[in-house]
Amino acid sequence: MFSGACRESEANNIYYRHRRENTARKSGNIEDWIKRFGGGYDHMIILDADSLMTAETIVRLASAMEMHPGVALIQTLPVVVNAKTLFARLQQFSGRLYGPLIAAGIAWWHGSEGNYWGHNAIIRVRAFAQDAGLPELHGRKPFGGHILSHDFVEAALMRRGGWTIRMEPTLGGSFEECPPSLLDFAARDRRWCQGNLQHLAVLPARGLHWVSRLHLLTGIGSYLTAPLWLLFLAFGILISLQAQFVRPEYFPKGFSLFPKWPAQDPILAAWVFAGTMGLLIVPKLLAYVLLGTQRRNRKQFGGGAIVFAGLVIETFLSGLIAPVMMIFQSMAIAEILLGRDAGWQVQRRDQSEVPAKELMRQYAWPTFFGAAMAASAYAVSLPLLLWMTPVLVGLLLCVPIAMLSSRISDPASTLFRIPEEAAPPRVLVRAEEFATTAGEAAVSPLLELLNDRQLLESHLANLPDGGRRDRGQVDPHLAIARAKIEEAETFDEALGYLTARETFAVLNSPVMLRALCAMPRNDA
């Protein structure tokens, strides 16, 4: 794909780089680029593997940076696109419908103390190089080491340096994708959870703006709410069990003129419930009202009735998914407190369905918690069981819900449709063409290099330092690959022997790569 893009482009300044040692992952990649090449550029645009920007948006962002020299970063609002499964389409629909309204409010009160989400943003290289250097936290993982959720910290450090951080929610032309299933979402969320808890060590840093500290606290609090909710439910059931099976003492020891009645305040409980529902539902209704004033946007969504139906269904399904995420996030908090490091797992980006066996294994704990709470609530009374139904149904039915939500959704359906599906921007169409071409490419990069000698020579020419490792340093994967290649008689036989890590080692060794490509084929 890279060589094809170079050949099709009229410019000759397209570069590809891949670090052999992926220290600090994404933040390390950016740090390495800035140290090696950043001095030659005024600005950089950070994109993830699944994100895009239109040329017009890039030009407008660059123009804004040149007009405002005190701005270090401008964050756009990415629109989720290319969703295929029901779960992904729910995220895509909700983000597109509710996101602009929420982002506008965030941009208004953040002002010049905005935040950074790690991608789909333009950054002034000088500001980033001077002030956004990340510390390596003291102690062992999961709290020590490299910061996993580094974007919040980088924004806070640049703001501390006197730079402005802005968010532009109405710019448009900014896109990203989301995980295809709840399991993939939870796996990514596990890393975010650990990264946000690492921010506890960043909070005491001197000179941070109070809004930046609030960003960090909000990220931390967003994960602490899950175990707090679980504890609230557990203690509520325990108190109910105590009241059911242990008689209260109306006349405790000591002198008292009046009995001591159990404290209950149903009116306050009703107000808490109403306030919670208001915080969850009112923003969605406001977004729907706003859509009613946008005729073209509403038509591309499929019409007001279709959007309202999608809103209701999305709210219902999100309510079923929320208790499952409560269990996953509570388990993540417990694992982190016990010292378990999540690392940085590669995100699954294909839209294939999750195997049923994997779903049964991963959702065992949510189902167990649901069954335990249901049995405890029923032991107290049937009304309590009915009151807890919204939470219990999502936990008890999490396996069938996961199966349903991970299935490929009908792309022709108007339900959950977004304007970018009704009228796809050119950049999305072009990206889909590239993705299709890449999908038809050779399964192995070694086979692709064998079939394209021009690509092979270009690859060899781009290997840093001739592909040699530091003197005295031995690559065990390359040594094993060498032995396997020497043992094989044909290229295809050697290709079948190599693992992914050994393949990567061969790709970085000119000697072994030339030797492998010189071997005969099975059909020769």
Protein backbone atom coordinates (compact mmCIF):
# COMPACT_ATOMS: atom_id res chain seq x y z
CA MET A 1 0.00 0.00 0.00
CA PHE A 2 2.82 2.41 0.90
CA SER A 3 4.69 1.85 -2.36
CA GLY A 4 1.44 2.21 -4.30
CA ALA A 5 0.71 5.51 -2.58
CA CYS A 6 4.22 6.74 -3.43
CA ARG A 7 3.80 5.80 -7.08
CA GLU A 8 0.35 7.41 -7.39
CA SER A 9 1.35 10.61 -5.60
CA GLU A 10 3.01 13.42 -7.52
CA ALA A 11 5.01 14.35 -4.44
CA ASN A 12 8.18 12.49 -3.52
CA ASN A 13 8.18 13.32 0.17
CA ILE A 14 6.11 10.44 1.57
CA TYR A 15 8.02 8.49 4.20
CA TYR A 16 7.40 5.34 6.22
CA ARG A 17 9.22 4.43 9.40
CA HIS A 18 8.96 1.54 11.83
CA ARG A 19 10.98 1.35 15.04
CA ARG A 20 12.61 -1.99 15.75
CA GLU A 21 12.29 -1.47 19.50
CA ASN A 22 8.83 -0.10 20.21
CA THR A 23 9.69 1.55 23.54
CA ALA A 24 6.80 3.47 25.14
CA ARG A 25 4.58 2.50 22.20
CA LYS A 26 2.71 5.46 20.67
CA SER A 27 4.25 8.20 22.80
CA GLY A 28 7.68 6.71 22.12
CA ASN A 29 7.01 6.76 18.37
CA ILE A 30 6.14 10.44 18.49
CA GLU A 31 9.13 11.25 20.72
CA ASP A 32 11.47 9.41 18.36
CA TRP A 33 10.12 11.26 15.32
CA ILE A 34 10.40 14.66 17.01
CA LYS A 35 13.99 14.03 18.10
CA ARG A 36 15.06 12.78 14.67
CA PHE A 37 12.97 14.85 12.25
CA GLY A 38 10.79 17.34 14.18
CA GLY A 39 13.11 20.30 13.68
CA GLY A 40 12.22 20.39 9.99
CA TYR A 41 8.50 20.95 10.57
CA ASP A 42 6.35 23.62 12.23
CA HIS A 43 3.30 21.43 12.86
CA MET A 44 2.34 17.78 12.95
CA ILE A 45 -1.04 16.05 12.69
CA ILE A 46 -1.49 12.92 14.79
CA LEU A 47 -3.69 10.20 13.29
CA ASP A 48 -4.35 6.71 14.61
CA ALA A 49 -4.34 3.65 12.37
CA ASP A 50 -8.13 3.91 12.05
CA SER A 51 -8.53 7.69 11.73
CA LEU A 52 -8.69 10.07 8.77
CA MET A 53 -8.89 13.77 7.90
CA THR A 54 -9.94 15.54 4.75
CA ALA A 55 -7.45 17.76 2.93
CA GLU A 56 -9.66 20.79 3.54
CA THR A 57 -9.65 20.18 7.30
CA ILE A 58 -5.87 19.77 7.35
CA VAL A 59 -5.39 23.05 5.46
CA ARG A 60 -7.79 24.90 7.78
CA LEU A 61 -6.04 23.53 10.86
CA ALA A 62 -2.63 24.58 9.55
CA SER A 63 -3.97 28.03 8.69
CA ALA A 64 -5.42 28.42 12.19
CA MET A 65 -2.08 27.49 13.76
CA GLU A 66 -0.25 30.06 11.64
CA MET A 67 -2.77 32.77 12.54
CA HIS A 68 -2.54 32.03 16.28
CA PRO A 69 1.13 31.53 17.25
CA GLY A 70 0.25 31.02 20.93
CA VAL A 71 -1.82 27.90 20.24
CA ALA A 72 -0.02 24.59 20.79
CA LEU A 73 -2.80 22.16 19.86
CA ILE A 74 -6.19 22.15 18.16
CA GLN A 75 -8.30 19.07 18.78
CA THR A 76 -11.05 18.20 16.30
CA LEU A 77 -14.19 16.16 16.94
CA PRO A 78 -13.76 12.83 15.11
CA VAL A 79 -16.88 11.18 13.72
CA VAL A 80 -17.04 7.39 14.09
CA VAL A 81 -17.42 5.73 10.66
CA ASN A 82 -17.19 2.35 8.91
CA ALA A 83 -19.12 0.52 11.63
CA LYS A 84 -20.26 -2.95 10.58
CA THR A 85 -21.43 -4.71 13.75
CA LEU A 86 -24.47 -3.71 15.79
CA PHE A 87 -22.29 -2.65 18.73
CA ALA A 88 -20.12 -0.46 16.50
CA ARG A 89 -23.18 1.05 14.83
CA LEU A 90 -24.59 1.95 18.25
CA GLN A 91 -21.36 3.79 19.06
CA GLN A 92 -21.33 5.42 15.64
CA PHE A 93 -24.94 6.60 15.87
CA SER A 94 -24.70 7.92 19.42
CA GLY A 95 -21.41 9.69 18.78
CA ARG A 96 -22.71 11.37 15.64
CA LEU A 97 -26.03 12.41 17.19
CA TYR A 98 -25.00 13.44 20.70
CA GLY A 99 -21.32 14.23 20.13
CA PRO A 100 -21.56 17.68 18.47
CA LEU A 101 -23.77 19.10 21.22
CA ILE A 102 -21.61 17.72 24.03
CA ALA A 103 -18.39 18.79 22.29
CA ALA A 104 -19.71 22.32 21.82
CA GLY A 105 -20.38 22.56 25.54
CA ILE A 106 -16.94 21.16 26.37
CA ALA A 107 -15.21 23.60 24.01
CA TRP A 108 -17.14 26.52 25.51
CA TRP A 109 -16.18 25.97 29.12
CA HIS A 110 -12.68 24.57 28.49
CA GLY A 111 -11.72 27.64 26.48
CA SER A 112 -7.95 27.89 26.15
CA GLU A 113 -7.45 25.02 28.62
CA GLY A 114 -8.75 22.31 26.32
CA ASN A 115 -7.81 18.65 26.32
CA TYR A 116 -6.14 16.24 23.92
CA TRP A 117 -7.55 12.85 22.93
CA GLY A 118 -4.38 11.49 21.36
CA HIS A 119 -5.31 11.70 17.68
CA ASN A 120 -7.05 13.77 15.01
CA ALA A 121 -5.37 16.93 16.24
CA ILE A 122 -2.74 19.36 14.95
CA ILE A 123 0.18 20.14 17.26
CA ARG A 124 2.88 22.80 17.14
CA VAL A 125 6.12 20.84 17.10
CA ARG A 126 8.11 23.46 19.04
CA ALA A 127 5.57 23.53 21.86
CA PHE A 128 5.43 19.76 22.05
CA ALA A 129 9.22 19.40 21.99
CA GLN A 130 9.78 22.06 24.65
CA ASP A 131 7.06 21.25 27.16
CA ALA A 132 5.38 17.88 26.53
CA GLY A 133 8.21 15.55 27.51
CA LEU A 134 6.66 12.69 29.48
CA PRO A 135 8.12 11.53 32.79
CA GLU A 136 8.73 7.87 33.49
CA LEU A 137 6.82 7.20 36.69
CA HIS A 138 8.63 5.73 39.67
CA GLY A 139 7.82 2.27 40.92
CA ARG A 140 6.74 -0.93 39.27
CA LYS A 141 3.93 -1.40 36.81
CA PRO A 142 0.97 -0.96 36.65
CA PHE A 143 1.38 2.42 38.38
CA GLY A 144 5.00 2.98 37.39
CA GLY A 145 6.82 3.02 34.07
CA HIS A 146 5.68 4.70 30.87
CA ILE A 147 2.33 6.53 31.02
CA LEU A 148 -0.24 4.64 28.94
CA SER A 149 -2.81 7.45 28.67
CA HIS A 150 -0.30 10.09 27.75
CA ASP A 151 -2.51 12.53 25.80
CA PHE A 152 -4.11 14.21 28.85
CA VAL A 153 -0.67 14.67 30.39
CA GLU A 154 0.85 16.12 27.22
CA ALA A 155 -1.95 18.70 26.99
CA ALA A 156 -1.49 19.61 30.66
CA LEU A 157 2.27 20.04 30.26
CA MET A 158 1.93 22.28 27.21
CA ARG A 159 -0.67 24.39 29.01
CA ARG A 160 1.74 24.68 31.94
CA GLY A 161 4.32 25.99 29.49
CA GLY A 162 2.01 28.90 28.64
CA TRP A 163 0.58 27.48 25.41
CA THR A 164 -3.11 27.46 24.53
CA ILE A 165 -4.99 24.19 23.95
CA ARG A 166 -8.14 24.55 21.85
CA MET A 167 -10.94 22.32 20.67
CA GLU A 168 -12.82 22.95 17.42
CA PRO A 169 -16.04 20.86 17.46
CA THR A 170 -17.62 22.28 14.29
CA LEU A 171 -14.73 21.96 11.86
CA GLY A 172 -15.77 18.59 10.41
CA GLY A 173 -13.76 16.37 8.09
CA SER A 174 -12.32 14.33 10.97
CA PHE A 175 -13.07 10.60 11.25
CA GLU A 176 -12.16 7.52 13.29
CA GLU A 177 -13.36 3.96 13.83
CA CYS A 178 -14.40 2.17 17.02
CA PRO A 179 -13.96 -1.40 18.34
CA PRO A 180 -16.34 -3.89 16.70
CA SER A 181 -17.54 -5.59 19.89
CA LEU A 182 -17.99 -4.97 23.60
CA LEU A 183 -15.07 -7.30 24.38
CA ASP A 184 -12.75 -5.29 22.14
CA PHE A 185 -14.06 -2.07 23.68
CA ALA A 186 -13.47 -3.45 27.19
CA ALA A 187 -9.92 -4.55 26.27
CA ARG A 188 -9.06 -1.04 25.10
CA ASP A 189 -10.85 0.42 28.12
CA ARG A 190 -8.68 -1.73 30.42
CA ARG A 191 -5.56 0.02 29.10
CA TRP A 192 -7.24 3.42 29.44
CA CYS A 193 -8.20 2.54 33.01
CA GLN A 194 -4.61 1.78 33.97
CA GLY A 195 -3.38 4.88 32.16
CA ASN A 196 -5.85 7.14 33.91
CA LEU A 197 -5.00 5.73 37.33
CA GLN A 198 -1.34 6.50 36.57
CA HIS A 199 -2.42 10.15 36.47
CA LEU A 200 -2.62 10.03 40.27
CA ALA A 201 1.16 10.45 40.21
CA VAL A 202 0.91 13.40 37.81
CA LEU A 203 -1.67 15.40 39.79
CA PRO A 204 0.82 16.79 42.38
CA ALA A 205 3.09 18.17 39.62
CA ARG A 206 3.89 21.85 40.09
CA GLY A 207 2.52 24.55 37.85
CA LEU A 208 -0.39 22.65 36.28
CA HIS A 209 -3.44 24.75 35.46
CA TRP A 210 -6.43 23.92 37.65
CA VAL A 211 -8.49 23.00 34.60
CA SER A 212 -5.75 20.57 33.54
CA ARG A 213 -5.90 19.00 36.99
CA LEU A 214 -9.65 18.78 36.57
CA HIS A 215 -9.16 16.92 33.26
CA LEU A 216 -6.95 14.40 35.03
CA LEU A 217 -9.38 14.04 37.96
CA THR A 218 -12.29 13.54 35.57
CA GLY A 219 -10.46 10.73 33.81
CA ILE A 220 -9.63 9.06 37.13
CA GLY A 221 -13.17 9.51 38.45
CA SER A 222 -14.74 8.03 35.31
CA TYR A 223 -13.27 4.66 36.29
CA LEU A 224 -13.80 4.91 40.04
CA THR A 225 -17.56 5.30 39.50
CA ALA A 226 -17.85 1.67 38.34
CA PRO A 227 -16.65 0.02 41.59
CA LEU A 228 -18.57 2.65 43.59
CA TRP A 229 -21.77 1.71 41.73
CA LEU A 230 -21.08 -1.98 42.35
CA LEU A 231 -20.44 -1.33 46.05
CA PHE A 232 -23.65 0.73 46.23
CA LEU A 233 -25.64 -2.19 44.81
CA ALA A 234 -23.91 -4.76 47.03
CA PHE A 235 -24.37 -2.79 50.25
CA GLY A 236 -27.97 -2.02 49.31
CA ILE A 237 -28.72 -5.72 48.97
CA LEU A 238 -26.87 -6.54 52.21
CA ILE A 239 -28.82 -3.90 54.12
CA SER A 240 -32.06 -5.26 52.68
CA LEU A 241 -31.07 -8.80 53.69
CA GLN A 242 -30.27 -7.59 57.20
CA ALA A 243 -33.63 -5.84 57.48
CA GLN A 244 -35.40 -8.99 56.21
CA PHE A 245 -33.79 -11.55 58.50
CA VAL A 246 -32.59 -9.52 61.50
CA ARG A 247 -35.23 -7.79 63.62
CA PRO A 248 -34.42 -4.12 64.21
CA GLU A 249 -34.01 -2.86 67.79
CA TYR A 250 -36.69 -0.27 68.34
CA PHE A 251 -35.64 0.22 71.97
CA PRO A 252 -31.84 0.17 72.21
CA LYS A 253 -30.02 -0.07 75.54
CA GLY A 254 -30.12 3.03 77.67
CA PHE A 255 -32.88 5.51 78.49
CA SER A 256 -35.00 6.69 75.56
CA LEU A 257 -38.44 8.32 75.47
CA PHE A 258 -39.22 7.22 71.91
CA PRO A 259 -38.56 4.16 69.75
CA LYS A 260 -35.70 4.25 67.20
CA TRP A 261 -37.31 3.68 63.84
CA PRO A 262 -35.24 2.48 60.84
CA ALA A 263 -34.17 5.46 58.74
CA GLN A 264 -35.90 5.56 55.34
CA ASP A 265 -36.42 8.45 52.96
CA PRO A 266 -38.30 7.29 49.84
CA ILE A 267 -38.77 10.88 48.64
CA LEU A 268 -35.03 11.55 48.64
CA ALA A 269 -34.43 8.21 46.88
CA ALA A 270 -36.95 9.18 44.20
CA TRP A 271 -35.20 12.53 43.69
CA VAL A 272 -31.82 10.79 43.34
CA PHE A 273 -33.32 8.43 40.74
CA ALA A 274 -34.94 11.31 38.83
CA GLY A 275 -31.71 13.34 38.87
CA THR A 276 -29.70 10.38 37.60
CA MET A 277 -32.15 9.71 34.77
CA GLY A 278 -32.12 13.41 33.90
CA LEU A 279 -28.33 13.48 33.57
CA LEU A 280 -28.45 10.43 31.31
CA ILE A 281 -31.44 11.24 29.09
CA VAL A 282 -31.77 15.05 28.91
CA PRO A 283 -28.57 15.55 26.84
CA LYS A 284 -29.87 13.00 24.33
CA LEU A 285 -33.20 14.78 24.05
CA LEU A 286 -31.44 18.13 23.62
CA ALA A 287 -29.36 16.66 20.81
CA TYR A 288 -32.56 15.42 19.16
CA VAL A 289 -34.14 18.86 19.48
CA LEU A 290 -31.03 20.41 17.91
CA LEU A 291 -31.24 17.93 15.03
CA GLY A 292 -34.81 19.08 14.45
CA THR A 293 -33.46 22.52 13.49
CA GLN A 294 -31.04 21.02 10.90
CA ARG A 295 -33.12 19.99 7.91
CA ARG A 296 -30.36 18.56 5.73
CA ASN A 297 -28.66 16.77 8.59
CA ARG A 298 -31.97 15.31 9.75
CA LYS A 299 -32.76 14.04 6.24
CA GLN A 300 -29.37 12.32 5.93
CA PHE A 301 -29.96 10.65 9.30
CA GLY A 302 -33.11 9.10 7.80
CA GLY A 303 -35.75 11.47 9.16
CA GLY A 304 -36.95 12.54 12.59
CA ALA A 305 -39.00 9.39 13.26
CA ILE A 306 -36.13 7.05 12.38
CA VAL A 307 -33.73 9.06 14.54
CA PHE A 308 -36.11 9.01 17.52
CA ALA A 309 -36.56 5.25 17.18
CA GLY A 310 -32.79 4.86 17.07
CA LEU A 311 -32.46 7.09 20.14
CA VAL A 312 -34.90 4.95 22.13
CA ILE A 313 -33.31 1.64 21.07
CA GLU A 314 -29.78 2.96 21.66
CA THR A 315 -30.75 4.14 25.16
CA PHE A 316 -32.31 0.76 25.96
CA LEU A 317 -29.33 -1.27 24.70
CA SER A 318 -26.85 1.07 26.38
CA GLY A 319 -28.74 0.52 29.62
CA LEU A 320 -28.25 -3.24 29.23
CA ILE A 321 -24.56 -2.87 28.40
CA ALA A 322 -23.77 -0.44 31.25
CA PRO A 323 -23.92 -3.05 34.09
CA VAL A 324 -21.58 -5.32 32.13
CA MET A 325 -19.06 -2.49 31.75
CA MET A 326 -19.49 -1.84 35.49
CA ILE A 327 -18.25 -5.38 36.19
CA PHE A 328 -15.42 -5.17 33.64
CA GLN A 329 -14.20 -1.82 34.97
CA SER A 330 -14.49 -2.95 38.61
CA MET A 331 -12.42 -6.03 37.78
CA ALA A 332 -9.89 -3.81 36.01
CA ILE A 333 -9.57 -1.59 39.09
CA ALA A 334 -9.10 -4.67 41.29
CA GLU A 335 -6.44 -6.11 38.94
CA ILE A 336 -4.54 -2.82 38.90
CA LEU A 337 -4.63 -2.51 42.70
CA LEU A 338 -3.30 -6.08 42.89
CA GLY A 339 -0.37 -5.08 40.66
CA ARG A 340 -1.39 -6.66 37.35
CA ASP A 341 -0.12 -4.80 34.29
CA ALA A 342 -2.42 -4.76 31.24
CA GLY A 343 0.36 -3.78 28.84
CA TRP A 344 -0.52 -2.43 25.41
CA GLN A 345 -2.51 -5.05 23.52
CA VAL A 346 -2.96 -4.76 19.77
CA GLN A 347 -6.50 -3.62 19.04
CA ARG A 348 -8.61 -5.92 16.86
CA ARG A 349 -9.85 -3.80 13.97
CA ASP A 350 -11.60 -6.35 11.76
CA GLN A 351 -15.38 -6.62 11.94
CA SER A 352 -15.61 -10.42 12.25
CA GLU A 353 -17.88 -11.93 14.88
CA VAL A 354 -16.47 -13.09 18.22
CA PRO A 355 -16.57 -16.90 18.69
CA ALA A 356 -19.29 -18.13 21.06
CA LYS A 357 -16.75 -20.00 23.21
CA GLU A 358 -14.78 -16.80 23.76
CA LEU A 359 -17.96 -14.93 24.69
CA MET A 360 -18.93 -17.58 27.25
CA ARG A 361 -15.49 -17.41 28.85
CA GLN A 362 -15.21 -13.62 28.97
CA TYR A 363 -18.75 -13.00 30.21
CA ALA A 364 -18.69 -15.63 32.96
CA TRP A 365 -18.05 -13.11 35.75
CA PRO A 366 -20.80 -10.62 34.76
CA THR A 367 -23.26 -13.52 34.53
CA PHE A 368 -22.16 -14.81 37.96
CA PHE A 369 -22.57 -11.39 39.58
CA GLY A 370 -26.00 -11.02 37.99
CA ALA A 371 -27.15 -14.40 39.26
CA ALA A 372 -25.83 -13.70 42.77
CA MET A 373 -27.54 -10.31 42.98
CA ALA A 374 -30.79 -11.70 41.56
CA ALA A 375 -30.87 -14.52 44.13
CA SER A 376 -30.09 -12.11 46.98
CA ALA A 377 -32.75 -9.63 45.87
CA TYR A 378 -35.37 -12.37 45.52
CA ALA A 379 -34.50 -13.60 49.03
CA VAL A 380 -35.52 -10.18 50.31
CA SER A 381 -38.69 -9.61 48.30
CA LEU A 382 -40.12 -9.75 44.80
CA PRO A 383 -40.52 -5.93 44.63
CA LEU A 384 -36.76 -5.51 45.25
CA LEU A 385 -36.03 -8.00 42.46
CA LEU A 386 -38.28 -6.05 40.10
CA TRP A 387 -36.66 -2.75 41.18
CA MET A 388 -33.22 -4.12 40.27
CA THR A 389 -34.39 -5.57 36.94
CA PRO A 390 -32.66 -2.90 34.76
CA VAL A 391 -29.29 -3.94 36.19
CA LEU A 392 -29.94 -7.67 36.48
CA VAL A 393 -31.28 -8.19 32.96
CA GLY A 394 -28.12 -6.76 31.38
CA LEU A 395 -25.91 -9.02 33.52
CA LEU A 396 -27.94 -12.23 33.16
CA LEU A 397 -28.38 -11.80 29.40
CA CYS A 398 -24.90 -10.45 28.68
CA VAL A 399 -23.90 -13.49 26.58
CA PRO A 400 -26.86 -13.34 24.14
CA ILE A 401 -26.62 -9.54 24.06
CA ALA A 402 -22.91 -9.84 23.19
CA MET A 403 -23.70 -12.37 20.46
CA LEU A 404 -26.36 -10.10 19.01
CA SER A 405 -24.28 -6.91 19.19
CA SER A 406 -21.15 -8.48 17.64
CA ARG A 407 -23.00 -9.64 14.53
CA ILE A 408 -22.60 -7.84 11.24
CA SER A 409 -25.45 -5.34 10.87
CA ASP A 410 -27.40 -4.77 7.65
CA PRO A 411 -25.67 -1.82 5.93
CA ALA A 412 -28.84 -1.00 4.00
CA SER A 413 -30.87 -0.40 7.16
CA THR A 414 -31.87 3.20 7.84
CA LEU A 415 -31.84 2.56 11.60
CA PHE A 416 -28.66 3.98 13.16
CA ARG A 417 -27.66 5.50 9.82
CA ILE A 418 -25.50 8.62 9.94
CA PRO A 419 -25.02 11.37 7.32
CA GLU A 420 -21.55 10.07 6.41
CA GLU A 421 -23.20 6.84 5.24
CA ALA A 422 -25.89 8.60 3.25
CA ALA A 423 -23.37 10.89 1.51
CA PRO A 424 -19.84 9.50 2.10
CA PRO A 425 -17.03 12.08 1.86
CA ARG A 426 -14.45 11.40 -0.84
CA VAL A 427 -11.73 10.63 1.71
CA LEU A 428 -13.81 7.76 3.16
CA VAL A 429 -14.49 6.32 -0.27
CA ARG A 430 -10.81 6.51 -1.16
CA ALA A 431 -9.78 4.94 2.16
CA GLU A 432 -12.19 2.06 1.55
CA GLU A 433 -10.62 1.50 -1.87
CA PHE A 434 -7.16 1.38 -0.31
CA ALA A 435 -8.40 -1.02 2.39
CA THR A 436 -9.89 -3.32 -0.24
CA THR A 437 -6.65 -3.28 -2.22
CA ALA A 438 -4.66 -4.05 0.92
CA GLY A 439 -7.01 -6.90 1.73
CA GLU A 440 -6.28 -8.45 -1.65
CA ALA A 441 -2.51 -8.18 -1.15
CA ALA A 442 -0.30 -11.11 -0.26
CA VAL A 443 -0.87 -12.66 3.14
CA SER A 444 2.85 -12.48 3.96
CA PRO A 445 4.95 -9.32 3.44
CA LEU A 446 7.85 -11.60 2.49
CA LEU A 447 5.82 -13.05 -0.38
CA GLU A 448 4.82 -9.55 -1.46
CA LEU A 449 8.48 -8.49 -1.54
CA LEU A 450 9.37 -11.60 -3.55
CA ASN A 451 6.73 -10.78 -6.16
CA ASP A 452 7.72 -7.11 -6.43
CA ARG A 453 11.45 -6.63 -6.93
CA GLN A 454 11.11 -2.86 -7.05
CA LEU A 455 9.39 -2.92 -3.68
CA LEU A 456 12.11 -5.23 -2.34
CA GLU A 457 14.91 -2.88 -3.36
CA SER A 458 13.03 0.10 -1.98
CA HIS A 459 12.53 -1.73 1.31
CA LEU A 460 16.21 -2.65 1.55
CA ALA A 461 17.25 0.93 0.82
CA ASN A 462 15.09 2.23 3.64
CA LEU A 463 16.43 -0.06 6.34
CA PRO A 464 18.24 2.15 8.92
CA ASP A 465 21.99 1.58 9.27
CA GLY A 466 21.84 -1.17 6.72
CA GLY A 467 19.59 -3.20 9.02
CA ARG A 468 22.44 -3.94 11.48
CA ARG A 469 21.82 -4.16 15.21
CA ASP A 470 24.10 -2.61 17.78
CA ARG A 471 27.50 -4.31 18.10
CA GLY A 472 27.38 -7.16 20.59
CA GLN A 473 23.58 -7.34 20.57
CA VAL A 474 22.07 -10.61 19.33
CA ASP A 475 18.53 -10.89 18.02
CA PRO A 476 17.26 -14.34 19.10
CA HIS A 477 14.36 -14.23 16.63
CA LEU A 478 16.74 -13.56 13.74
CA ALA A 479 19.02 -16.40 14.86
CA ILE A 480 16.09 -18.83 14.93
CA ALA A 481 14.87 -17.55 11.56
CA ARG A 482 18.34 -18.08 10.06
CA ALA A 483 18.36 -21.69 11.25
CA LYS A 484 14.92 -22.35 9.83
CA ILE A 485 15.77 -20.76 6.46
CA GLU A 486 19.00 -22.77 6.19
CA GLU A 487 17.07 -25.96 6.95
CA ALA A 488 14.37 -25.28 4.32
CA GLU A 489 14.81 -26.21 0.68
CA THR A 490 12.35 -23.76 -0.88
CA PHE A 491 11.01 -20.26 -0.21
CA ASP A 492 7.51 -21.57 0.53
CA GLU A 493 8.83 -24.13 3.02
CA ALA A 494 10.84 -21.46 4.86
CA LEU A 495 7.85 -19.14 4.85
CA GLY A 496 5.78 -21.81 6.57
CA TYR A 497 8.38 -22.22 9.31
CA LEU A 498 8.66 -18.54 10.32
CA THR A 499 6.61 -17.02 13.13
CA ALA A 500 5.43 -13.40 13.12
CA ARG A 501 8.39 -12.18 15.21
CA GLU A 502 10.86 -14.13 13.08
CA THR A 503 9.30 -12.70 9.92
CA PHE A 504 9.76 -9.21 11.32
CA ALA A 505 13.40 -9.98 12.14
CA VAL A 506 14.04 -11.17 8.56
CA LEU A 507 12.40 -8.04 7.17
CA ASN A 508 14.99 -5.99 9.07
CA SER A 509 17.99 -8.07 7.94
CA PRO A 510 19.22 -7.36 4.38
CA VAL A 511 21.41 -10.49 4.34
CA MET A 512 18.66 -12.91 5.38
CA LEU A 513 16.04 -11.17 3.28
CA ARG A 514 18.14 -11.45 0.11
CA ALA A 515 18.99 -15.06 0.92
CA LEU A 516 15.34 -15.95 1.43
CA CYS A 517 14.18 -14.22 -1.75
CA ALA A 518 16.88 -16.06 -3.71
CA MET A 519 15.47 -19.48 -2.76
CA PRO A 520 13.42 -21.42 -5.35
CA ARG A 521 9.62 -21.72 -5.15
CA ASN A 522 7.75 -24.98 -4.67
CA ASP A 523 6.27 -24.79 -8.15
CA ALA A 524 9.56 -23.87 -9.84
